Amino acid sequence: MTSRVRGQQGFALIEMLAAIVIINVGLLAILLALNSGMVTLRKSAESSTASAVADRQLERYRALAFAAIYLDTTSLAATDSTYQTDSAYSASQVTQTCAPLAAACTPSQTVTGPDGRSYRVDTYIVWTTPAGGAPVKQVTVVVRRQGSANVLARVVSTAGADF
């Protein structure tokens, strides 16, 4: 019997080390899941805020008369490559001189969202004609992170003289 006891010396230590390793692996998996959840929640909140910023900009255009929906010619000429490479961009934007320059006339601007972060709001206005209909102005608002080309929200609306 003494030989059996002596043959198992240190076995409890090995079991304890194995249990600690298994517990550590489980804890790391839980921490990674929590971190992933926080990242997803942050992205979701940013996307939601960007949508609210885009809707606020679009509401500016909905409050205007049809003839007052346009972009400032001078400001449009000064836009950067991020603005000009967007799929909504057209060389034939609806433009006119806007004096004094108002937020509704500015093609690209930086605004602070409800979350306190800065967002870049790009607005595109083009003429389009739906099938069998009269020409309308299509307003596209694109919201990006400040200093980034990644699109967080894109909202499109149309305005017609008869709306």
N, C-alpha and C. Protein backbone atom coordinates (compact mmCIF):
# COMPACT_ATOMS: atom_id res chain seq x y z
N MET A 1 0.80 -1.17 0.00
CA MET A 1 0.00 0.00 0.00
C MET A 1 0.86 1.26 0.00
N THR A 2 1.99 1.23 0.66
CA THR A 2 2.87 2.39 0.68
C THR A 2 3.43 2.68 -0.71
N SER A 3 3.62 1.69 -1.50
CA SER A 3 4.16 1.93 -2.83
C SER A 3 3.13 2.63 -3.73
N ARG A 4 1.82 2.33 -3.52
CA ARG A 4 0.79 3.00 -4.30
C ARG A 4 0.71 4.49 -3.95
N VAL A 5 0.82 4.82 -2.69
CA VAL A 5 0.77 6.21 -2.26
C VAL A 5 1.98 6.95 -2.79
N ARG A 6 3.12 6.33 -2.72
CA ARG A 6 4.33 7.00 -3.21
C ARG A 6 4.27 7.18 -4.73
N GLY A 7 3.61 6.36 -5.47
CA GLY A 7 3.49 6.46 -6.93
C GLY A 7 2.59 7.61 -7.36
N GLN A 8 1.76 8.11 -6.46
CA GLN A 8 0.84 9.20 -6.82
C GLN A 8 1.28 10.54 -6.24
N GLN A 9 2.47 10.65 -5.77
CA GLN A 9 2.95 11.92 -5.24
C GLN A 9 3.02 12.95 -6.36
N GLY A 10 2.49 14.14 -6.12
CA GLY A 10 2.50 15.22 -7.12
C GLY A 10 1.34 15.16 -8.10
N PHE A 11 0.53 14.10 -8.03
CA PHE A 11 -0.59 13.98 -8.97
C PHE A 11 -1.64 15.07 -8.70
N ALA A 12 -1.90 15.43 -7.48
CA ALA A 12 -2.87 16.48 -7.14
C ALA A 12 -2.39 17.82 -7.69
N LEU A 13 -1.10 18.07 -7.70
CA LEU A 13 -0.55 19.30 -8.23
C LEU A 13 -0.80 19.39 -9.75
N ILE A 14 -0.63 18.30 -10.46
CA ILE A 14 -0.88 18.26 -11.91
C ILE A 14 -2.36 18.49 -12.19
N GLU A 15 -3.23 17.86 -11.39
CA GLU A 15 -4.67 18.07 -11.56
C GLU A 15 -5.03 19.53 -11.34
N MET A 16 -4.43 20.13 -10.33
CA MET A 16 -4.72 21.52 -10.02
C MET A 16 -4.23 22.44 -11.15
N LEU A 17 -3.06 22.19 -11.70
CA LEU A 17 -2.55 22.99 -12.82
C LEU A 17 -3.45 22.85 -14.05
N ALA A 18 -3.91 21.64 -14.32
CA ALA A 18 -4.82 21.42 -15.46
C ALA A 18 -6.13 22.18 -15.25
N ALA A 19 -6.66 22.15 -14.04
CA ALA A 19 -7.90 22.87 -13.73
C ALA A 19 -7.70 24.37 -13.90
N ILE A 20 -6.57 24.91 -13.48
CA ILE A 20 -6.29 26.33 -13.62
C ILE A 20 -6.22 26.72 -15.10
N VAL A 21 -5.58 25.89 -15.91
CA VAL A 21 -5.48 26.17 -17.35
C VAL A 21 -6.87 26.17 -17.98
N ILE A 22 -7.70 25.20 -17.63
CA ILE A 22 -9.05 25.12 -18.19
C ILE A 22 -9.88 26.34 -17.76
N ILE A 23 -9.78 26.74 -16.53
CA ILE A 23 -10.51 27.92 -16.03
C ILE A 23 -10.02 29.18 -16.75
N ASN A 24 -8.71 29.30 -16.95
CA ASN A 24 -8.16 30.46 -17.67
C ASN A 24 -8.66 30.53 -19.10
N VAL A 25 -8.71 29.40 -19.77
CA VAL A 25 -9.23 29.36 -21.15
C VAL A 25 -10.69 29.81 -21.16
N GLY A 26 -11.47 29.34 -20.23
CA GLY A 26 -12.88 29.73 -20.14
C GLY A 26 -13.04 31.22 -19.85
N LEU A 27 -12.24 31.75 -18.94
CA LEU A 27 -12.30 33.18 -18.63
C LEU A 27 -11.89 34.03 -19.82
N LEU A 28 -10.85 33.62 -20.54
CA LEU A 28 -10.44 34.36 -21.73
C LEU A 28 -11.54 34.36 -22.79
N ALA A 29 -12.22 33.25 -22.96
CA ALA A 29 -13.32 33.18 -23.93
C ALA A 29 -14.44 34.14 -23.53
N ILE A 30 -14.75 34.21 -22.26
CA ILE A 30 -15.80 35.12 -21.78
C ILE A 30 -15.37 36.58 -21.99
N LEU A 31 -14.11 36.90 -21.69
CA LEU A 31 -13.62 38.26 -21.89
C LEU A 31 -13.64 38.66 -23.36
N LEU A 32 -13.28 37.75 -24.24
CA LEU A 32 -13.31 38.05 -25.67
C LEU A 32 -14.75 38.27 -26.14
N ALA A 33 -15.68 37.50 -25.63
CA ALA A 33 -17.08 37.69 -25.99
C ALA A 33 -17.59 39.05 -25.51
N LEU A 34 -17.23 39.45 -24.31
CA LEU A 34 -17.63 40.76 -23.79
C LEU A 34 -17.01 41.89 -24.62
N ASN A 35 -15.75 41.75 -24.97
CA ASN A 35 -15.08 42.76 -25.79
C ASN A 35 -15.74 42.87 -27.16
N SER A 36 -16.05 41.75 -27.76
CA SER A 36 -16.71 41.75 -29.06
C SER A 36 -18.08 42.42 -28.96
N GLY A 37 -18.79 42.16 -27.90
CA GLY A 37 -20.09 42.79 -27.69
C GLY A 37 -19.98 44.29 -27.53
N MET A 38 -18.96 44.75 -26.82
CA MET A 38 -18.77 46.20 -26.65
C MET A 38 -18.44 46.87 -27.98
N VAL A 39 -17.61 46.23 -28.81
CA VAL A 39 -17.26 46.80 -30.11
C VAL A 39 -18.50 46.88 -30.99
N THR A 40 -19.29 45.84 -31.00
CA THR A 40 -20.53 45.82 -31.79
C THR A 40 -21.50 46.89 -31.31
N LEU A 41 -21.63 47.04 -30.02
CA LEU A 41 -22.51 48.05 -29.45
C LEU A 41 -22.03 49.46 -29.81
N ARG A 42 -20.74 49.69 -29.78
CA ARG A 42 -20.17 51.00 -30.13
C ARG A 42 -20.44 51.32 -31.61
N LYS A 43 -20.23 50.33 -32.48
CA LYS A 43 -20.48 50.55 -33.91
C LYS A 43 -21.96 50.81 -34.17
N SER A 44 -22.80 50.08 -33.48
CA SER A 44 -24.24 50.26 -33.63
C SER A 44 -24.67 51.64 -33.16
N ALA A 45 -24.14 52.11 -32.07
CA ALA A 45 -24.48 53.44 -31.56
C ALA A 45 -24.00 54.53 -32.53
N GLU A 46 -22.81 54.34 -33.09
CA GLU A 46 -22.27 55.31 -34.05
C GLU A 46 -23.12 55.34 -35.32
N SER A 47 -23.54 54.18 -35.79
CA SER A 47 -24.39 54.09 -36.98
C SER A 47 -25.74 54.74 -36.73
N SER A 48 -26.30 54.52 -35.56
CA SER A 48 -27.58 55.12 -35.20
C SER A 48 -27.47 56.64 -35.12
N THR A 49 -26.41 57.13 -34.53
CA THR A 49 -26.20 58.57 -34.44
C THR A 49 -26.01 59.17 -35.83
N ALA A 50 -25.26 58.49 -36.69
CA ALA A 50 -25.05 58.98 -38.05
C ALA A 50 -26.37 59.05 -38.81
N SER A 51 -27.25 58.09 -38.61
CA SER A 51 -28.56 58.12 -39.25
C SER A 51 -29.38 59.31 -38.76
N ALA A 52 -29.30 59.60 -37.48
CA ALA A 52 -30.01 60.76 -36.92
C ALA A 52 -29.46 62.07 -37.50
N VAL A 53 -28.14 62.15 -37.66
CA VAL A 53 -27.52 63.34 -38.25
C VAL A 53 -27.96 63.49 -39.71
N ALA A 54 -28.00 62.39 -40.45
CA ALA A 54 -28.44 62.43 -41.85
C ALA A 54 -29.91 62.85 -41.95
N ASP A 55 -30.75 62.31 -41.09
CA ASP A 55 -32.16 62.70 -41.10
C ASP A 55 -32.34 64.17 -40.78
N ARG A 56 -31.56 64.68 -39.84
CA ARG A 56 -31.65 66.10 -39.49
C ARG A 56 -31.29 66.97 -40.69
N GLN A 57 -30.24 66.59 -41.44
CA GLN A 57 -29.84 67.35 -42.63
C GLN A 57 -30.93 67.27 -43.70
N LEU A 58 -31.50 66.09 -43.88
CA LEU A 58 -32.54 65.92 -44.89
C LEU A 58 -33.80 66.72 -44.53
N GLU A 59 -34.09 66.84 -43.26
CA GLU A 59 -35.25 67.64 -42.83
C GLU A 59 -35.08 69.11 -43.19
N ARG A 60 -33.84 69.58 -43.25
CA ARG A 60 -33.61 70.97 -43.69
C ARG A 60 -34.13 71.16 -45.11
N TYR A 61 -33.89 70.16 -45.96
CA TYR A 61 -34.34 70.27 -47.35
C TYR A 61 -35.85 70.08 -47.47
N ARG A 62 -36.41 69.24 -46.64
CA ARG A 62 -37.86 69.04 -46.68
C ARG A 62 -38.61 70.30 -46.25
N ALA A 63 -37.96 71.14 -45.44
CA ALA A 63 -38.59 72.37 -44.96
C ALA A 63 -38.50 73.51 -45.98
N LEU A 64 -37.69 73.34 -47.03
CA LEU A 64 -37.50 74.39 -48.03
C LEU A 64 -38.50 74.26 -49.17
N ALA A 65 -38.74 75.38 -49.83
CA ALA A 65 -39.53 75.35 -51.07
C ALA A 65 -38.71 74.66 -52.15
N PHE A 66 -39.37 74.09 -53.13
CA PHE A 66 -38.69 73.33 -54.19
C PHE A 66 -37.60 74.17 -54.86
N ALA A 67 -37.88 75.43 -55.15
CA ALA A 67 -36.92 76.29 -55.85
C ALA A 67 -35.71 76.61 -54.98
N ALA A 68 -35.81 76.44 -53.68
CA ALA A 68 -34.71 76.76 -52.77
C ALA A 68 -33.81 75.56 -52.47
N ILE A 69 -34.06 74.43 -53.10
CA ILE A 69 -33.24 73.24 -52.88
C ILE A 69 -32.12 73.21 -53.92
N TYR A 70 -30.93 73.57 -53.48
CA TYR A 70 -29.76 73.58 -54.35
C TYR A 70 -28.51 73.68 -53.49
N LEU A 71 -27.35 73.51 -54.11
CA LEU A 71 -26.06 73.64 -53.42
C LEU A 71 -25.36 74.91 -53.90
N ASP A 72 -24.53 75.48 -53.06
CA ASP A 72 -23.79 76.69 -53.41
C ASP A 72 -22.71 76.37 -54.43
N THR A 73 -22.69 77.14 -55.52
CA THR A 73 -21.74 76.90 -56.61
C THR A 73 -20.29 77.02 -56.16
N THR A 74 -19.97 78.05 -55.39
CA THR A 74 -18.59 78.27 -54.94
C THR A 74 -18.14 77.17 -53.99
N SER A 75 -19.00 76.80 -53.05
CA SER A 75 -18.65 75.74 -52.09
C SER A 75 -18.48 74.40 -52.79
N LEU A 76 -19.29 74.14 -53.81
CA LEU A 76 -19.20 72.87 -54.54
C LEU A 76 -17.88 72.76 -55.28
N ALA A 77 -17.39 73.88 -55.82
CA ALA A 77 -16.12 73.87 -56.54
C ALA A 77 -14.94 73.61 -55.60
N ALA A 78 -15.13 73.89 -54.31
CA ALA A 78 -14.04 73.74 -53.33
C ALA A 78 -14.06 72.38 -52.62
N THR A 79 -14.92 71.45 -53.03
CA THR A 79 -15.01 70.15 -52.35
C THR A 79 -13.77 69.31 -52.62
N ASP A 80 -13.50 68.38 -51.70
CA ASP A 80 -12.31 67.53 -51.81
C ASP A 80 -12.60 66.23 -52.56
N SER A 81 -11.59 65.39 -52.66
CA SER A 81 -11.72 64.14 -53.42
C SER A 81 -12.68 63.15 -52.76
N THR A 82 -12.80 63.18 -51.44
CA THR A 82 -13.74 62.28 -50.77
C THR A 82 -15.16 62.59 -51.23
N TYR A 83 -15.49 63.86 -51.34
CA TYR A 83 -16.81 64.27 -51.80
C TYR A 83 -17.00 63.87 -53.27
N GLN A 84 -16.02 64.15 -54.09
CA GLN A 84 -16.15 63.96 -55.53
C GLN A 84 -16.07 62.51 -55.98
N THR A 85 -15.58 61.61 -55.15
CA THR A 85 -15.49 60.20 -55.55
C THR A 85 -16.66 59.37 -55.04
N ASP A 86 -17.61 59.99 -54.35
CA ASP A 86 -18.77 59.26 -53.86
C ASP A 86 -19.68 58.89 -55.03
N SER A 87 -20.39 57.77 -54.91
CA SER A 87 -21.26 57.31 -55.99
C SER A 87 -22.42 58.25 -56.26
N ALA A 88 -22.80 59.09 -55.32
CA ALA A 88 -23.90 60.03 -55.50
C ALA A 88 -23.45 61.30 -56.22
N TYR A 89 -22.15 61.48 -56.36
CA TYR A 89 -21.64 62.70 -56.98
C TYR A 89 -21.93 62.71 -58.47
N SER A 90 -22.29 63.88 -58.97
CA SER A 90 -22.49 64.09 -60.39
C SER A 90 -21.93 65.47 -60.72
N ALA A 91 -21.30 65.58 -61.86
CA ALA A 91 -20.75 66.87 -62.26
C ALA A 91 -21.87 67.89 -62.49
N SER A 92 -23.07 67.42 -62.66
CA SER A 92 -24.20 68.32 -62.91
C SER A 92 -25.10 68.44 -61.68
N GLN A 93 -24.49 68.78 -60.55
CA GLN A 93 -25.26 69.02 -59.33
C GLN A 93 -26.17 70.23 -59.54
N VAL A 94 -27.27 70.29 -58.81
CA VAL A 94 -28.16 71.45 -58.86
C VAL A 94 -27.51 72.54 -58.02
N THR A 95 -27.01 73.59 -58.69
CA THR A 95 -26.27 74.64 -57.98
C THR A 95 -26.81 76.02 -58.29
N GLN A 96 -26.45 76.93 -57.42
CA GLN A 96 -26.83 78.33 -57.54
C GLN A 96 -26.02 79.06 -56.47
N THR A 97 -25.83 80.35 -56.62
CA THR A 97 -25.12 81.10 -55.59
C THR A 97 -26.02 81.27 -54.38
N CYS A 98 -25.50 80.94 -53.23
CA CYS A 98 -26.26 80.99 -51.98
C CYS A 98 -25.67 82.09 -51.11
N ALA A 99 -26.35 83.23 -51.05
CA ALA A 99 -25.84 84.33 -50.23
C ALA A 99 -26.95 84.83 -49.32
N PRO A 100 -26.77 84.84 -48.04
CA PRO A 100 -25.61 84.34 -47.31
C PRO A 100 -25.59 82.81 -47.29
N LEU A 101 -24.41 82.26 -47.15
CA LEU A 101 -24.24 80.81 -47.17
C LEU A 101 -24.95 80.18 -45.97
N ALA A 102 -25.87 79.26 -46.25
CA ALA A 102 -26.64 78.59 -45.21
C ALA A 102 -26.25 77.12 -45.16
N ALA A 103 -26.58 76.45 -44.06
CA ALA A 103 -26.24 75.03 -43.90
C ALA A 103 -26.91 74.18 -44.97
N ALA A 104 -28.08 74.59 -45.44
CA ALA A 104 -28.79 73.81 -46.46
C ALA A 104 -28.11 73.92 -47.82
N CYS A 105 -27.28 74.94 -48.04
CA CYS A 105 -26.60 75.14 -49.32
C CYS A 105 -25.21 74.54 -49.36
N THR A 106 -24.68 74.15 -48.21
CA THR A 106 -23.29 73.71 -48.11
C THR A 106 -23.17 72.23 -48.48
N PRO A 107 -22.37 71.91 -49.49
CA PRO A 107 -22.26 70.51 -49.91
C PRO A 107 -21.54 69.61 -48.91
N SER A 108 -20.58 70.15 -48.17
CA SER A 108 -19.83 69.35 -47.21
C SER A 108 -19.61 70.18 -45.95
N GLN A 109 -19.94 69.59 -44.81
CA GLN A 109 -19.80 70.32 -43.56
C GLN A 109 -19.53 69.35 -42.42
N THR A 110 -19.02 69.88 -41.34
CA THR A 110 -18.77 69.09 -40.14
C THR A 110 -19.78 69.50 -39.09
N VAL A 111 -20.46 68.50 -38.51
CA VAL A 111 -21.44 68.77 -37.46
C VAL A 111 -21.12 67.90 -36.25
N THR A 112 -21.62 68.32 -35.11
CA THR A 112 -21.47 67.54 -33.89
C THR A 112 -22.77 66.79 -33.66
N GLY A 113 -22.66 65.48 -33.51
CA GLY A 113 -23.83 64.64 -33.30
C GLY A 113 -24.29 64.68 -31.86
N PRO A 114 -25.44 64.07 -31.57
CA PRO A 114 -25.95 64.01 -30.21
C PRO A 114 -25.01 63.32 -29.23
N ASP A 115 -24.10 62.50 -29.77
CA ASP A 115 -23.15 61.80 -28.91
C ASP A 115 -21.89 62.63 -28.63
N GLY A 116 -21.83 63.85 -29.17
CA GLY A 116 -20.69 64.72 -28.94
C GLY A 116 -19.53 64.52 -29.91
N ARG A 117 -19.64 63.57 -30.83
CA ARG A 117 -18.58 63.31 -31.81
C ARG A 117 -18.80 64.17 -33.05
N SER A 118 -17.73 64.39 -33.80
CA SER A 118 -17.82 65.15 -35.05
C SER A 118 -18.07 64.21 -36.21
N TYR A 119 -18.99 64.62 -37.08
CA TYR A 119 -19.33 63.85 -38.27
C TYR A 119 -19.24 64.75 -39.49
N ARG A 120 -18.83 64.18 -40.59
CA ARG A 120 -18.79 64.90 -41.86
C ARG A 120 -20.09 64.59 -42.59
N VAL A 121 -20.80 65.63 -43.00
CA VAL A 121 -22.08 65.48 -43.70
C VAL A 121 -21.89 66.01 -45.12
N ASP A 122 -22.01 65.13 -46.11
CA ASP A 122 -21.92 65.50 -47.52
C ASP A 122 -23.31 65.41 -48.14
N THR A 123 -23.68 66.45 -48.89
CA THR A 123 -24.99 66.50 -49.52
C THR A 123 -24.82 66.58 -51.02
N TYR A 124 -25.60 65.80 -51.74
CA TYR A 124 -25.58 65.77 -53.20
C TYR A 124 -27.01 66.02 -53.69
N ILE A 125 -27.17 66.93 -54.64
CA ILE A 125 -28.49 67.22 -55.19
C ILE A 125 -28.37 67.14 -56.72
N VAL A 126 -29.13 66.25 -57.32
CA VAL A 126 -29.11 66.08 -58.78
C VAL A 126 -30.54 66.02 -59.31
N TRP A 127 -30.68 66.37 -60.57
CA TRP A 127 -31.97 66.20 -61.24
C TRP A 127 -32.11 64.74 -61.66
N THR A 128 -33.28 64.19 -61.52
CA THR A 128 -33.57 62.84 -61.98
C THR A 128 -35.02 62.80 -62.45
N THR A 129 -35.30 61.93 -63.38
CA THR A 129 -36.67 61.81 -63.90
C THR A 129 -37.14 60.38 -63.72
N PRO A 130 -38.13 60.18 -62.84
CA PRO A 130 -38.67 58.83 -62.67
C PRO A 130 -39.44 58.41 -63.93
N ALA A 131 -39.60 57.13 -64.12
CA ALA A 131 -40.30 56.61 -65.30
C ALA A 131 -41.71 57.20 -65.37
N GLY A 132 -41.98 57.87 -66.48
CA GLY A 132 -43.32 58.42 -66.71
C GLY A 132 -43.66 59.60 -65.83
N GLY A 133 -42.67 60.25 -65.23
CA GLY A 133 -42.96 61.36 -64.33
C GLY A 133 -42.22 62.62 -64.70
N ALA A 134 -42.45 63.64 -63.94
CA ALA A 134 -41.78 64.92 -64.14
C ALA A 134 -40.42 64.90 -63.45
N PRO A 135 -39.49 65.74 -63.91
CA PRO A 135 -38.18 65.80 -63.26
C PRO A 135 -38.30 66.20 -61.79
N VAL A 136 -37.49 65.57 -60.96
CA VAL A 136 -37.45 65.86 -59.53
C VAL A 136 -36.00 66.05 -59.11
N LYS A 137 -35.83 66.68 -57.97
CA LYS A 137 -34.49 66.82 -57.40
C LYS A 137 -34.29 65.68 -56.41
N GLN A 138 -33.20 64.94 -56.59
CA GLN A 138 -32.86 63.85 -55.67
C GLN A 138 -31.78 64.34 -54.72
N VAL A 139 -32.10 64.31 -53.44
CA VAL A 139 -31.17 64.77 -52.41
C VAL A 139 -30.59 63.54 -51.72
N THR A 140 -29.28 63.43 -51.73
CA THR A 140 -28.59 62.32 -51.06
C THR A 140 -27.71 62.92 -49.96
N VAL A 141 -27.87 62.43 -48.75
CA VAL A 141 -27.05 62.88 -47.62
C VAL A 141 -26.20 61.70 -47.17
N VAL A 142 -24.89 61.92 -47.12
CA VAL A 142 -23.94 60.88 -46.72
C VAL A 142 -23.21 61.35 -45.47
N VAL A 143 -23.20 60.51 -44.45
CA VAL A 143 -22.53 60.86 -43.19
C VAL A 143 -21.33 59.93 -43.02
N ARG A 144 -20.19 60.56 -42.71
CA ARG A 144 -18.94 59.82 -42.49
C ARG A 144 -18.34 60.26 -41.16
N ARG A 145 -17.42 59.44 -40.65
CA ARG A 145 -16.63 59.88 -39.50
C ARG A 145 -15.76 61.03 -39.97
N GLN A 146 -15.53 61.97 -39.08
CA GLN A 146 -14.66 63.09 -39.42
C GLN A 146 -13.27 62.55 -39.73
N GLY A 147 -12.73 62.90 -40.90
CA GLY A 147 -11.39 62.46 -41.28
C GLY A 147 -11.34 61.07 -41.88
N SER A 148 -12.50 60.50 -42.23
CA SER A 148 -12.53 59.15 -42.78
C SER A 148 -13.43 59.12 -44.02
N ALA A 149 -13.16 58.20 -44.91
CA ALA A 149 -13.99 58.05 -46.11
C ALA A 149 -15.06 56.98 -45.92
N ASN A 150 -15.05 56.28 -44.78
CA ASN A 150 -16.03 55.23 -44.52
C ASN A 150 -17.42 55.83 -44.30
N VAL A 151 -18.40 55.31 -45.03
CA VAL A 151 -19.77 55.81 -44.94
C VAL A 151 -20.47 55.15 -43.76
N LEU A 152 -21.04 55.98 -42.88
CA LEU A 152 -21.80 55.46 -41.74
C LEU A 152 -23.29 55.43 -42.04
N ALA A 153 -23.77 56.41 -42.81
CA ALA A 153 -25.20 56.48 -43.14
C ALA A 153 -25.36 57.16 -44.50
N ARG A 154 -26.36 56.70 -45.24
CA ARG A 154 -26.70 57.29 -46.55
C ARG A 154 -28.22 57.34 -46.64
N VAL A 155 -28.75 58.54 -46.84
CA VAL A 155 -30.20 58.73 -46.91
C VAL A 155 -30.51 59.46 -48.21
N VAL A 156 -31.53 58.98 -48.95
CA VAL A 156 -31.92 59.58 -50.21
C VAL A 156 -33.38 59.96 -50.16
N SER A 157 -33.69 61.15 -50.69
CA SER A 157 -35.07 61.62 -50.76
C SER A 157 -35.24 62.42 -52.05
N THR A 158 -36.45 62.53 -52.51
CA THR A 158 -36.73 63.31 -53.71
C THR A 158 -37.69 64.44 -53.39
N ALA A 159 -37.55 65.51 -54.16
CA ALA A 159 -38.44 66.66 -54.02
C ALA A 159 -38.88 67.08 -55.40
N GLY A 160 -40.16 67.28 -55.56
CA GLY A 160 -40.69 67.70 -56.84
C GLY A 160 -41.48 68.98 -56.70
N ALA A 161 -41.68 69.67 -57.80
CA ALA A 161 -42.43 70.93 -57.78
C ALA A 161 -43.87 70.70 -57.34
N ASP A 162 -44.40 69.52 -57.58
CA ASP A 162 -45.81 69.23 -57.24
C ASP A 162 -45.97 68.55 -55.90
N PHE A 163 -44.90 68.34 -55.14
CA PHE A 163 -45.00 67.63 -53.86
C PHE A 163 -45.62 68.51 -52.81
